[in-house]
Amino acid sequence: YNVEGQFYVTDDRCSHGLASLAEGTVIGDEIECPMHFGMFK
């Protein structure tokens, strides 16, 4: 992730389902899972 010029790395798999977080949407400092729309910091 690139959040305001800071880079971060997480596991790609959502802990709730089998979705790829890289297919999700960055909203501020959070990632929204594309499957069930849960959020992670």
Full PDB file with SEQRES, HELIX, SHEET, SSBOND, CRYST1, ORIGX, SCALE, CONECT and MASTER records, all heavy atoms in Angstrom:
SEQRES   1 A   41  TYR ASN VAL GLU GLY GLN PHE TYR VAL THR ASP ASP ARG          
SEQRES   2 A   41  CYS SER HIS GLY LEU ALA SER LEU ALA GLU GLY THR VAL          
SEQRES   3 A   41  ILE GLY ASP GLU ILE GLU CYS PRO MET HIS PHE GLY MET          
SEQRES   4 A   41  PHE LYS                                                      
HELIX    1 AA1 LEU A   21  GLU A   23  5                                   3    
SHEET    1 AA1 2 ASN A   2  VAL A   3  0                                        
SHEET    2 AA1 2 GLN A   6  PHE A   7 -1                                        
SHEET    1 AA2 3 THR A  25  ILE A  27  0                                        
SHEET    2 AA2 3 GLU A  30  GLU A  32 -1                                        
SHEET    3 AA2 3 MET A  39  PHE A  40 -1                                        
CRYST1    1.000    1.000    1.000  90.00  90.00  90.00 P 1           1          
ORIGX1      1.000000  0.000000  0.000000        0.00000                         
ORIGX2      0.000000  1.000000  0.000000        0.00000                         
ORIGX3      0.000000  0.000000  1.000000        0.00000                         
SCALE1      1.000000  0.000000  0.000000        0.00000                         
SCALE2      0.000000  1.000000  0.000000        0.00000                         
SCALE3      0.000000  0.000000  1.000000        0.00000                         
ATOM      1  N   TYR A   1       0.835  -1.201   0.000  1.00  0.00           N  
ATOM      2  CA  TYR A   1       0.000   0.000   0.000  1.00  0.00           C  
ATOM      3  C   TYR A   1       0.867   1.249   0.000  1.00  0.00           C  
ATOM      4  O   TYR A   1       1.918   1.274   0.631  1.00  0.00           O  
ATOM      5  CB  TYR A   1      -0.855   0.073   1.273  1.00  0.00           C  
ATOM      6  CG  TYR A   1      -1.617  -1.173   1.603  1.00  0.00           C  
ATOM      7  CD1 TYR A   1      -1.008  -2.235   2.277  1.00  0.00           C  
ATOM      8  CD2 TYR A   1      -2.955  -1.294   1.260  1.00  0.00           C  
ATOM      9  CE1 TYR A   1      -1.717  -3.383   2.595  1.00  0.00           C  
ATOM     10  CE2 TYR A   1      -3.673  -2.440   1.583  1.00  0.00           C  
ATOM     11  CZ  TYR A   1      -3.043  -3.479   2.246  1.00  0.00           C  
ATOM     12  OH  TYR A   1      -3.747  -4.613   2.562  1.00  0.00           O  
ATOM     13  N   ASN A   2       0.377   2.299  -0.657  1.00  0.00           N  
ATOM     14  CA  ASN A   2       0.961   3.630  -0.564  1.00  0.00           C  
ATOM     15  C   ASN A   2      -0.105   4.524   0.063  1.00  0.00           C  
ATOM     16  O   ASN A   2      -1.121   4.823  -0.565  1.00  0.00           O  
ATOM     17  CB  ASN A   2       1.359   4.143  -1.947  1.00  0.00           C  
ATOM     18  CG  ASN A   2       1.951   5.544  -1.910  1.00  0.00           C  
ATOM     19  OD1 ASN A   2       1.813   6.275  -0.945  1.00  0.00           O  
ATOM     20  ND2 ASN A   2       2.601   5.920  -2.992  1.00  0.00           N  
ATOM     21  N   VAL A   3       0.112   4.886   1.323  1.00  0.00           N  
ATOM     22  CA  VAL A   3      -0.831   5.747   2.049  1.00  0.00           C  
ATOM     23  C   VAL A   3      -0.117   7.058   2.341  1.00  0.00           C  
ATOM     24  O   VAL A   3       0.773   7.106   3.189  1.00  0.00           O  
ATOM     25  CB  VAL A   3      -1.316   5.076   3.354  1.00  0.00           C  
ATOM     26  CG1 VAL A   3      -2.265   5.994   4.108  1.00  0.00           C  
ATOM     27  CG2 VAL A   3      -1.969   3.732   3.059  1.00  0.00           C  
ATOM     28  N   GLU A   4      -0.467   8.076   1.575  1.00  0.00           N  
ATOM     29  CA  GLU A   4       0.122   9.407   1.724  1.00  0.00           C  
ATOM     30  C   GLU A   4       1.646   9.354   1.686  1.00  0.00           C  
ATOM     31  O   GLU A   4       2.328   9.991   2.492  1.00  0.00           O  
ATOM     32  CB  GLU A   4      -0.393  10.077   2.999  1.00  0.00           C  
ATOM     33  CG  GLU A   4      -1.896  10.301   2.960  1.00  0.00           C  
ATOM     34  CD  GLU A   4      -2.435  10.967   4.212  1.00  0.00           C  
ATOM     35  OE1 GLU A   4      -1.640  11.348   5.097  1.00  0.00           O  
ATOM     36  OE2 GLU A   4      -3.657  11.102   4.287  1.00  0.00           O  
ATOM     37  N   GLY A   5       2.196   8.551   0.765  1.00  0.00           N  
ATOM     38  CA  GLY A   5       3.640   8.463   0.579  1.00  0.00           C  
ATOM     39  C   GLY A   5       4.348   7.493   1.505  1.00  0.00           C  
ATOM     40  O   GLY A   5       5.544   7.275   1.370  1.00  0.00           O  
ATOM     41  N   GLN A   6       3.620   6.891   2.451  1.00  0.00           N  
ATOM     42  CA  GLN A   6       4.171   5.863   3.328  1.00  0.00           C  
ATOM     43  C   GLN A   6       3.784   4.500   2.759  1.00  0.00           C  
ATOM     44  O   GLN A   6       2.633   4.310   2.353  1.00  0.00           O  
ATOM     45  CB  GLN A   6       3.611   5.996   4.752  1.00  0.00           C  
ATOM     46  CG  GLN A   6       4.079   7.214   5.481  1.00  0.00           C  
ATOM     47  CD  GLN A   6       5.548   7.112   5.851  1.00  0.00           C  
ATOM     48  OE1 GLN A   6       6.367   7.884   5.369  1.00  0.00           O  
ATOM     49  NE2 GLN A   6       5.892   6.178   6.696  1.00  0.00           N  
ATOM     50  N   PHE A   7       4.730   3.571   2.758  1.00  0.00           N  
ATOM     51  CA  PHE A   7       4.467   2.242   2.213  1.00  0.00           C  
ATOM     52  C   PHE A   7       4.274   1.246   3.350  1.00  0.00           C  
ATOM     53  O   PHE A   7       4.961   1.293   4.364  1.00  0.00           O  
ATOM     54  CB  PHE A   7       5.608   1.816   1.289  1.00  0.00           C  
ATOM     55  CG  PHE A   7       5.572   2.542  -0.018  1.00  0.00           C  
ATOM     56  CD1 PHE A   7       6.048   3.831  -0.126  1.00  0.00           C  
ATOM     57  CD2 PHE A   7       5.018   1.937  -1.136  1.00  0.00           C  
ATOM     58  CE1 PHE A   7       5.995   4.520  -1.318  1.00  0.00           C  
ATOM     59  CE2 PHE A   7       4.952   2.619  -2.340  1.00  0.00           C  
ATOM     60  CZ  PHE A   7       5.441   3.913  -2.435  1.00  0.00           C  
ATOM     61  N   TYR A   8       3.313   0.341   3.140  1.00  0.00           N  
ATOM     62  CA  TYR A   8       2.960  -0.681   4.117  1.00  0.00           C  
ATOM     63  C   TYR A   8       2.790  -2.008   3.386  1.00  0.00           C  
ATOM     64  O   TYR A   8       2.430  -2.029   2.200  1.00  0.00           O  
ATOM     65  CB  TYR A   8       1.643  -0.335   4.823  1.00  0.00           C  
ATOM     66  CG  TYR A   8       1.691   0.974   5.560  1.00  0.00           C  
ATOM     67  CD1 TYR A   8       1.283   2.151   4.946  1.00  0.00           C  
ATOM     68  CD2 TYR A   8       2.158   1.046   6.866  1.00  0.00           C  
ATOM     69  CE1 TYR A   8       1.342   3.363   5.613  1.00  0.00           C  
ATOM     70  CE2 TYR A   8       2.209   2.257   7.540  1.00  0.00           C  
ATOM     71  CZ  TYR A   8       1.796   3.408   6.909  1.00  0.00           C  
ATOM     72  OH  TYR A   8       1.860   4.604   7.568  1.00  0.00           O  
ATOM     73  N   VAL A   9       3.016  -3.113   4.098  1.00  0.00           N  
ATOM     74  CA  VAL A   9       2.822  -4.450   3.544  1.00  0.00           C  
ATOM     75  C   VAL A   9       2.038  -5.276   4.557  1.00  0.00           C  
ATOM     76  O   VAL A   9       2.355  -5.276   5.749  1.00  0.00           O  
ATOM     77  CB  VAL A   9       4.171  -5.128   3.218  1.00  0.00           C  
ATOM     78  CG1 VAL A   9       3.956  -6.568   2.767  1.00  0.00           C  
ATOM     79  CG2 VAL A   9       4.933  -4.347   2.155  1.00  0.00           C  
ATOM     80  N   THR A  10       0.999  -5.968   4.053  1.00  0.00           N  
ATOM     81  CA  THR A  10       0.212  -6.884   4.877  1.00  0.00           C  
ATOM     82  C   THR A  10       0.034  -8.196   4.113  1.00  0.00           C  
ATOM     83  O   THR A  10       0.289  -8.269   2.913  1.00  0.00           O  
ATOM     84  CB  THR A  10      -1.204  -6.335   5.189  1.00  0.00           C  
ATOM     85  OG1 THR A  10      -2.006  -6.358   4.003  1.00  0.00           O  
ATOM     86  CG2 THR A  10      -1.155  -4.933   5.772  1.00  0.00           C  
ATOM     87  N   ASP A  11      -0.452  -9.215   4.832  1.00  0.00           N  
ATOM     88  CA  ASP A  11      -0.924 -10.397   4.121  1.00  0.00           C  
ATOM     89  C   ASP A  11      -2.019  -9.944   3.169  1.00  0.00           C  
ATOM     90  O   ASP A  11      -2.758  -8.995   3.464  1.00  0.00           O  
ATOM     91  CB  ASP A  11      -1.491 -11.432   5.100  1.00  0.00           C  
ATOM     92  CG  ASP A  11      -0.414 -12.226   5.810  1.00  0.00           C  
ATOM     93  OD1 ASP A  11       0.732 -12.285   5.310  1.00  0.00           O  
ATOM     94  OD2 ASP A  11      -0.718 -12.798   6.871  1.00  0.00           O  
ATOM     95  N   ASP A  12      -2.121 -10.619   2.033  1.00  0.00           N  
ATOM     96  CA  ASP A  12      -3.129 -10.229   1.047  1.00  0.00           C  
ATOM     97  C   ASP A  12      -4.506 -10.781   1.378  1.00  0.00           C  
ATOM     98  O   ASP A  12      -5.504 -10.184   1.030  1.00  0.00           O  
ATOM     99  CB  ASP A  12      -2.706 -10.694  -0.348  1.00  0.00           C  
ATOM    100  CG  ASP A  12      -3.724 -10.305  -1.401  1.00  0.00           C  
ATOM    101  OD1 ASP A  12      -4.056  -9.106  -1.486  1.00  0.00           O  
ATOM    102  OD2 ASP A  12      -4.204 -11.202  -2.116  1.00  0.00           O  
ATOM    103  N   ARG A  13      -4.563 -11.895   2.071  1.00  0.00           N  
ATOM    104  CA  ARG A  13      -5.849 -12.549   2.308  1.00  0.00           C  
ATOM    105  C   ARG A  13      -6.585 -11.943   3.491  1.00  0.00           C  
ATOM    106  O   ARG A  13      -6.035 -11.789   4.571  1.00  0.00           O  
ATOM    107  CB  ARG A  13      -5.635 -14.030   2.549  1.00  0.00           C  
ATOM    108  CG  ARG A  13      -6.955 -14.764   2.783  1.00  0.00           C  
ATOM    109  CD  ARG A  13      -6.803 -16.228   2.690  1.00  0.00           C  
ATOM    110  NE  ARG A  13      -6.624 -16.568   1.285  1.00  0.00           N  
ATOM    111  CZ  ARG A  13      -6.356 -17.771   0.833  1.00  0.00           C  
ATOM    112  NH1 ARG A  13      -6.212 -18.765   1.668  1.00  0.00           N  
ATOM    113  NH2 ARG A  13      -6.212 -18.001  -0.437  1.00  0.00           N  
ATOM    114  N   CYS A  14      -7.847 -11.625   3.265  1.00  0.00           N  
ATOM    115  CA  CYS A  14      -8.714 -11.138   4.330  1.00  0.00           C  
ATOM    116  C   CYS A  14      -8.859 -12.223   5.389  1.00  0.00           C  
ATOM    117  O   CYS A  14      -9.001 -13.400   5.057  1.00  0.00           O  
ATOM    118  CB  CYS A  14     -10.082 -10.771   3.758  1.00  0.00           C  
ATOM    119  SG  CYS A  14     -11.293 -10.266   4.997  1.00  0.00           S  
ATOM    120  N   SER A  15      -8.844 -11.847   6.664  1.00  0.00           N  
ATOM    121  CA  SER A  15      -8.973 -12.814   7.755  1.00  0.00           C  
ATOM    122  C   SER A  15     -10.414 -13.307   7.918  1.00  0.00           C  
ATOM    123  O   SER A  15     -10.663 -14.271   8.623  1.00  0.00           O  
ATOM    124  CB  SER A  15      -8.487 -12.199   9.069  1.00  0.00           C  
ATOM    125  OG  SER A  15      -9.285 -11.072   9.408  1.00  0.00           O  
ATOM    126  N   HIS A  16     -11.352 -12.673   7.235  1.00  0.00           N  
ATOM    127  CA  HIS A  16     -12.761 -13.057   7.344  1.00  0.00           C  
ATOM    128  C   HIS A  16     -13.173 -14.033   6.254  1.00  0.00           C  
ATOM    129  O   HIS A  16     -14.017 -14.888   6.467  1.00  0.00           O  
ATOM    130  CB  HIS A  16     -13.646 -11.804   7.296  1.00  0.00           C  
ATOM    131  CG  HIS A  16     -15.109 -12.112   7.285  1.00  0.00           C  
ATOM    132  ND1 HIS A  16     -15.858 -12.117   6.141  1.00  0.00           N  
ATOM    133  CD2 HIS A  16     -15.949 -12.460   8.286  1.00  0.00           C  
ATOM    134  CE1 HIS A  16     -17.107 -12.430   6.434  1.00  0.00           C  
ATOM    135  NE2 HIS A  16     -17.195 -12.646   7.735  1.00  0.00           N  
ATOM    136  N   GLY A  17     -12.588 -13.886   5.069  1.00  0.00           N  
ATOM    137  CA  GLY A  17     -12.958 -14.732   3.938  1.00  0.00           C  
ATOM    138  C   GLY A  17     -11.745 -14.970   3.065  1.00  0.00           C  
ATOM    139  O   GLY A  17     -10.620 -14.683   3.453  1.00  0.00           O  
ATOM    140  N   LEU A  18     -11.955 -15.470   1.889  1.00  0.00           N  
ATOM    141  CA  LEU A  18     -10.841 -15.806   0.997  1.00  0.00           C  
ATOM    142  C   LEU A  18     -10.548 -14.699  -0.013  1.00  0.00           C  
ATOM    143  O   LEU A  18      -9.948 -14.950  -1.046  1.00  0.00           O  
ATOM    144  CB  LEU A  18     -11.151 -17.126   0.270  1.00  0.00           C  
ATOM    145  CG  LEU A  18     -11.338 -18.324   1.189  1.00  0.00           C  
ATOM    146  CD1 LEU A  18     -11.652 -19.571   0.378  1.00  0.00           C  
ATOM    147  CD2 LEU A  18     -10.111 -18.551   2.048  1.00  0.00           C  
ATOM    148  N   ALA A  19     -10.961 -13.497   0.274  1.00  0.00           N  
ATOM    149  CA  ALA A  19     -10.788 -12.384  -0.659  1.00  0.00           C  
ATOM    150  C   ALA A  19      -9.365 -11.844  -0.644  1.00  0.00           C  
ATOM    151  O   ALA A  19      -8.670 -11.875   0.370  1.00  0.00           O  
ATOM    152  CB  ALA A  19     -11.758 -11.262  -0.312  1.00  0.00           C  
ATOM    153  N   SER A  20      -8.944 -11.310  -1.794  1.00  0.00           N  
ATOM    154  CA  SER A  20      -7.654 -10.629  -1.934  1.00  0.00           C  
ATOM    155  C   SER A  20      -7.826  -9.168  -1.568  1.00  0.00           C  
ATOM    156  O   SER A  20      -8.599  -8.448  -2.207  1.00  0.00           O  
ATOM    157  CB  SER A  20      -7.154 -10.746  -3.374  1.00  0.00           C  
ATOM    158  OG  SER A  20      -6.071  -9.865  -3.596  1.00  0.00           O  
ATOM    159  N   LEU A  21      -7.096  -8.719  -0.539  1.00  0.00           N  
ATOM    160  CA  LEU A  21      -7.188  -7.313  -0.144  1.00  0.00           C  
ATOM    161  C   LEU A  21      -6.631  -6.387  -1.211  1.00  0.00           C  
ATOM    162  O   LEU A  21      -7.027  -5.224  -1.302  1.00  0.00           O  
ATOM    163  CB  LEU A  21      -6.485  -7.099   1.193  1.00  0.00           C  
ATOM    164  CG  LEU A  21      -7.155  -7.800   2.378  1.00  0.00           C  
ATOM    165  CD1 LEU A  21      -6.315  -7.632   3.631  1.00  0.00           C  
ATOM    166  CD2 LEU A  21      -8.575  -7.302   2.586  1.00  0.00           C  
ATOM    167  N   ALA A  22      -5.728  -6.893  -2.052  1.00  0.00           N  
ATOM    168  CA  ALA A  22      -5.189  -6.071  -3.135  1.00  0.00           C  
ATOM    169  C   ALA A  22      -6.271  -5.707  -4.152  1.00  0.00           C  
ATOM    170  O   ALA A  22      -6.098  -4.780  -4.932  1.00  0.00           O  
ATOM    171  CB  ALA A  22      -4.032  -6.789  -3.827  1.00  0.00           C  
ATOM    172  N   GLU A  23      -7.380  -6.417  -4.120  1.00  0.00           N  
ATOM    173  CA  GLU A  23      -8.522  -6.078  -4.982  1.00  0.00           C  
ATOM    174  C   GLU A  23      -9.502  -5.152  -4.271  1.00  0.00           C  
ATOM    175  O   GLU A  23     -10.536  -4.786  -4.829  1.00  0.00           O  
ATOM    176  CB  GLU A  23      -9.235  -7.360  -5.422  1.00  0.00           C  
ATOM    177  CG  GLU A  23      -8.358  -8.234  -6.301  1.00  0.00           C  
ATOM    178  CD  GLU A  23      -9.011  -9.558  -6.661  1.00  0.00           C  
ATOM    179  OE1 GLU A  23     -10.207  -9.757  -6.361  1.00  0.00           O  
ATOM    180  OE2 GLU A  23      -8.307 -10.398  -7.243  1.00  0.00           O  
ATOM    181  N   GLY A  24      -9.171  -4.784  -3.033  1.00  0.00           N  
ATOM    182  CA  GLY A  24     -10.030  -3.912  -2.253  1.00  0.00           C  
ATOM    183  C   GLY A  24      -9.777  -2.441  -2.561  1.00  0.00           C  
ATOM    184  O   GLY A  24      -9.034  -2.092  -3.473  1.00  0.00           O  
ATOM    185  N   THR A  25     -10.380  -1.593  -1.747  1.00  0.00           N  
ATOM    186  CA  THR A  25     -10.297  -0.149  -1.932  1.00  0.00           C  
ATOM    187  C   THR A  25      -9.628   0.486  -0.717  1.00  0.00           C  
ATOM    188  O   THR A  25     -10.032   0.221   0.422  1.00  0.00           O  
ATOM    189  CB  THR A  25     -11.714   0.449  -2.091  1.00  0.00           C  
ATOM    190  OG1 THR A  25     -12.358  -0.207  -3.187  1.00  0.00           O  
ATOM    191  CG2 THR A  25     -11.658   1.945  -2.346  1.00  0.00           C  
ATOM    192  N   VAL A  26      -8.609   1.308  -0.978  1.00  0.00           N  
ATOM    193  CA  VAL A  26      -7.975   2.082   0.092  1.00  0.00           C  
ATOM    194  C   VAL A  26      -8.865   3.287   0.376  1.00  0.00           C  
ATOM    195  O   VAL A  26      -9.178   4.065  -0.526  1.00  0.00           O  
ATOM    196  CB  VAL A  26      -6.551   2.540  -0.305  1.00  0.00           C  
ATOM    197  CG1 VAL A  26      -5.967   3.467   0.763  1.00  0.00           C  
ATOM    198  CG2 VAL A  26      -5.643   1.334  -0.526  1.00  0.00           C  
ATOM    199  N   ILE A  27      -9.275   3.404   1.634  1.00  0.00           N  
ATOM    200  CA  ILE A  27     -10.096   4.540   2.074  1.00  0.00           C  
ATOM    201  C   ILE A  27      -9.364   5.168   3.243  1.00  0.00           C  
ATOM    202  O   ILE A  27      -9.345   4.612   4.347  1.00  0.00           O  
ATOM    203  CB  ILE A  27     -11.512   4.085   2.474  1.00  0.00           C  
ATOM    204  CG1 ILE A  27     -12.205   3.388   1.302  1.00  0.00           C  
ATOM    205  CG2 ILE A  27     -12.325   5.270   2.989  1.00  0.00           C  
ATOM    206  CD1 ILE A  27     -13.512   2.723   1.658  1.00  0.00           C  
ATOM    207  N   GLY A  28      -8.708   6.288   2.994  1.00  0.00           N  
ATOM    208  CA  GLY A  28      -7.897   6.926   4.037  1.00  0.00           C  
ATOM    209  C   GLY A  28      -6.751   6.018   4.419  1.00  0.00           C  
ATOM    210  O   GLY A  28      -5.924   5.664   3.585  1.00  0.00           O  
ATOM    211  N   ASP A  29      -6.719   5.592   5.697  1.00  0.00           N  
ATOM    212  CA  ASP A  29      -5.654   4.713   6.177  1.00  0.00           C  
ATOM    213  C   ASP A  29      -6.151   3.283   6.383  1.00  0.00           C  
ATOM    214  O   ASP A  29      -5.576   2.516   7.132  1.00  0.00           O  
ATOM    215  CB  ASP A  29      -5.040   5.258   7.467  1.00  0.00           C  
ATOM    216  CG  ASP A  29      -6.030   5.304   8.625  1.00  0.00           C  
ATOM    217  OD1 ASP A  29      -7.255   5.094   8.406  1.00  0.00           O  
ATOM    218  OD2 ASP A  29      -5.599   5.537   9.767  1.00  0.00           O  
ATOM    219  N   GLU A  30      -7.260   2.936   5.693  1.00  0.00           N  
ATOM    220  CA  GLU A  30      -7.844   1.612   5.827  1.00  0.00           C  
ATOM    221  C   GLU A  30      -8.003   0.953   4.458  1.00  0.00           C  
ATOM    222  O   GLU A  30      -8.073   1.631   3.437  1.00  0.00           O  
ATOM    223  CB  GLU A  30      -9.217   1.687   6.503  1.00  0.00           C  
ATOM    224  CG  GLU A  30      -9.151   2.256   7.910  1.00  0.00           C  
ATOM    225  CD  GLU A  30     -10.518   2.394   8.538  1.00  0.00           C  
ATOM    226  OE1 GLU A  30     -11.362   3.102   7.948  1.00  0.00           O  
ATOM    227  OE2 GLU A  30     -10.735   1.804   9.593  1.00  0.00           O  
ATOM    228  N   ILE A  31      -8.076  -0.384   4.473  1.00  0.00           N  
ATOM    229  CA  ILE A  31      -8.376  -1.145   3.264  1.00  0.00           C  
ATOM    230  C   ILE A  31      -9.744  -1.789   3.458  1.00  0.00           C  
ATOM    231  O   ILE A  31     -10.018  -2.368   4.511  1.00  0.00           O  
ATOM    232  CB  ILE A  31      -7.294  -2.212   2.939  1.00  0.00           C  
ATOM    233  CG1 ILE A  31      -7.604  -2.956   1.640  1.00  0.00           C  
ATOM    234  CG2 ILE A  31      -7.081  -3.189   4.084  1.00  0.00           C  
ATOM    235  CD1 ILE A  31      -7.445  -2.134   0.383  1.00  0.00           C  
ATOM    236  N   GLU A  32     -10.592  -1.641   2.445  1.00  0.00           N  
ATOM    237  CA  GLU A  32     -11.914  -2.261   2.471  1.00  0.00           C  
ATOM    238  C   GLU A  32     -11.858  -3.553   1.666  1.00  0.00           C  
ATOM    239  O   GLU A  32     -11.472  -3.537   0.495  1.00  0.00           O  
ATOM    240  CB  GLU A  32     -12.960  -1.323   1.872  1.00  0.00           C  
ATOM    241  CG  GLU A  32     -14.357  -1.906   1.871  1.00  0.00           C  
ATOM    242  CD  GLU A  32     -15.362  -0.965   1.240  1.00  0.00           C  
ATOM    243  OE1 GLU A  32     -15.194  -0.648   0.035  1.00  0.00           O  
ATOM    244  OE2 GLU A  32     -16.297  -0.554   1.931  1.00  0.00           O  
ATOM    245  N   CYS A  33     -12.234  -4.657   2.277  1.00  0.00           N  
ATOM    246  CA  CYS A  33     -12.238  -5.958   1.611  1.00  0.00           C  
ATOM    247  C   CYS A  33     -13.295  -5.951   0.506  1.00  0.00           C  
ATOM    248  O   CYS A  33     -14.416  -5.484   0.720  1.00  0.00           O  
ATOM    249  CB  CYS A  33     -12.533  -7.053   2.634  1.00  0.00           C  
ATOM    250  SG  CYS A  33     -12.681  -8.679   1.881  1.00  0.00           S  
ATOM    251  N   PRO A  34     -12.953  -6.488  -0.670  1.00  0.00           N  
ATOM    252  CA  PRO A  34     -13.902  -6.467  -1.775  1.00  0.00           C  
ATOM    253  C   PRO A  34     -15.043  -7.482  -1.633  1.00  0.00           C  
ATOM    254  O   PRO A  34     -16.040  -7.378  -2.328  1.00  0.00           O  
ATOM    255  CB  PRO A  34     -13.029  -6.808  -2.986  1.00  0.00           C  
ATOM    256  CG  PRO A  34     -11.936  -7.657  -2.437  1.00  0.00           C  
ATOM    257  CD  PRO A  34     -11.668  -7.066  -1.063  1.00  0.00           C  
ATOM    258  N   MET A  35     -14.913  -8.441  -0.719  1.00  0.00           N  
ATOM    259  CA  MET A  35     -15.941  -9.491  -0.630  1.00  0.00           C  
ATOM    260  C   MET A  35     -17.107  -9.101   0.276  1.00  0.00           C  
ATOM    261  O   MET A  35     -18.245  -9.097  -0.148  1.00  0.00           O  
ATOM    262  CB  MET A  35     -15.330 -10.800  -0.160  1.00  0.00           C  
ATOM    263  CG  MET A  35     -16.328 -11.950  -0.158  1.00  0.00           C  
ATOM    264  SD  MET A  35     -15.612 -13.525   0.371  1.00  0.00           S  
ATOM    265  CE  MET A  35     -14.672 -13.972  -1.080  1.00  0.00           C  
ATOM    266  N   HIS A  36     -16.810  -8.768   1.533  1.00  0.00           N  
ATOM    267  CA  HIS A  36     -17.877  -8.455   2.481  1.00  0.00           C  
ATOM    268  C   HIS A  36     -17.775  -7.031   3.023  1.00  0.00           C  
ATOM    269  O   HIS A  36     -18.494  -6.682   3.948  1.00  0.00           O  
ATOM    270  CB  HIS A  36     -17.861  -9.451   3.653  1.00  0.00           C  
ATOM    271  CG  HIS A  36     -18.101 -10.859   3.223  1.00  0.00           C  
ATOM    272  ND1 HIS A  36     -17.145 -11.844   3.338  1.00  0.00           N  
ATOM    273  CD2 HIS A  36     -19.178 -11.434   2.648  1.00  0.00           C  
ATOM    274  CE1 HIS A  36     -17.639 -12.983   2.858  1.00  0.00           C  
ATOM    275  NE2 HIS A  36     -18.862 -12.760   2.429  1.00  0.00           N  
ATOM    276  N   PHE A  37     -16.851  -6.250   2.465  1.00  0.00           N  
ATOM    277  CA  PHE A  37     -16.699  -4.820   2.768  1.00  0.00           C  
ATOM    278  C   PHE A  37     -16.266  -4.537   4.202  1.00  0.00           C  
ATOM    279  O   PHE A  37     -16.486  -3.444   4.715  1.00  0.00           O  
ATOM    280  CB  PHE A  37     -17.968  -4.047   2.388  1.00  0.00           C  
ATOM    281  CG  PHE A  37     -18.395  -4.338   0.979  1.00  0.00           C  
ATOM    282  CD1 PHE A  37     -19.498  -5.130   0.722  1.00  0.00           C  
ATOM    283  CD2 PHE A  37     -17.647  -3.871  -0.085  1.00  0.00           C  
ATOM    284  CE1 PHE A  37     -19.868  -5.432  -0.581  1.00  0.00           C  
ATOM    285  CE2 PHE A  37     -18.006  -4.164  -1.391  1.00  0.00           C  
ATOM    286  CZ  PHE A  37     -19.122  -4.952  -1.644  1.00  0.00           C  
ATOM    287  N   GLY A  38     -15.630  -5.515   4.848  1.00  0.00           N  
ATOM    288  CA  GLY A  38     -15.009  -5.280   6.146  1.00  0.00           C  
ATOM    289  C   GLY A  38     -13.789  -4.388   5.970  1.00  0.00           C  
ATOM    290  O   GLY A  38     -13.286  -4.211   4.864  1.00  0.00           O  
ATOM    291  N   MET A  39     -13.304  -3.835   7.073  1.00  0.00           N  
ATOM    292  CA  MET A  39     -12.207  -2.874   7.012  1.00  0.00           C  
ATOM    293  C   MET A  39     -11.067  -3.288   7.934  1.00  0.00           C  
ATOM    294  O   MET A  39     -11.293  -3.881   8.986  1.00  0.00           O  
ATOM    295  CB  MET A  39     -12.701  -1.487   7.439  1.00  0.00           C  
ATOM    296  CG  MET A  39     -13.884  -0.939   6.664  1.00  0.00           C  
ATOM    297  SD  MET A  39     -13.449  -0.345   5.021  1.00  0.00           S  
ATOM    298  CE  MET A  39     -12.591   1.161   5.435  1.00  0.00           C  
ATOM    299  N   PHE A  40      -9.844  -2.898   7.506  1.00  0.00           N  
ATOM    300  CA  PHE A  40      -8.647  -3.092   8.314  1.00  0.00           C  
ATOM    301  C   PHE A  40      -7.820  -1.818   8.301  1.00  0.00           C  
ATOM    302  O   PHE A  40      -7.730  -1.144   7.267  1.00  0.00           O  
ATOM    303  CB  PHE A  40      -7.764  -4.215   7.745  1.00  0.00           C  
ATOM    304  CG  PHE A  40      -8.414  -5.560   7.741  1.00  0.00           C  
ATOM    305  CD1 PHE A  40      -9.098  -6.011   6.629  1.00  0.00           C  
ATOM    306  CD2 PHE A  40      -8.340  -6.376   8.861  1.00  0.00           C  
ATOM    307  CE1 PHE A  40      -9.691  -7.252   6.620  1.00  0.00           C  
ATOM    308  CE2 PHE A  40      -8.937  -7.628   8.862  1.00  0.00           C  
ATOM    309  CZ  PHE A  40      -9.620  -8.067   7.736  1.00  0.00           C  
ATOM    310  N   LYS A  41      -7.182  -1.503   9.429  1.00  0.00           N  
ATOM    311  CA  LYS A  41      -6.202  -0.425   9.485  1.00  0.00           C  
ATOM    312  C   LYS A  41      -4.948  -0.927   8.771  1.00  0.00           C  
ATOM    313  O   LYS A  41      -4.402  -1.970   9.127  1.00  0.00           O  
ATOM    314  CB  LYS A  41      -5.851  -0.059  10.932  1.00  0.00           C  
ATOM    315  CG  LYS A  41      -6.990   0.550  11.707  1.00  0.00           C  
ATOM    316  CD  LYS A  41      -7.171   1.983  11.311  1.00  0.00           C  
ATOM    317  CE  LYS A  41      -8.181   2.663  12.228  1.00  0.00           C  
ATOM    318  NZ  LYS A  41      -8.429   4.036  11.786  1.00  0.00           N  
TER     319      LYS A  41                                                      
MASTER        0    0    0    1    5    0    0    6  318    1    0    4          
END                                                                             
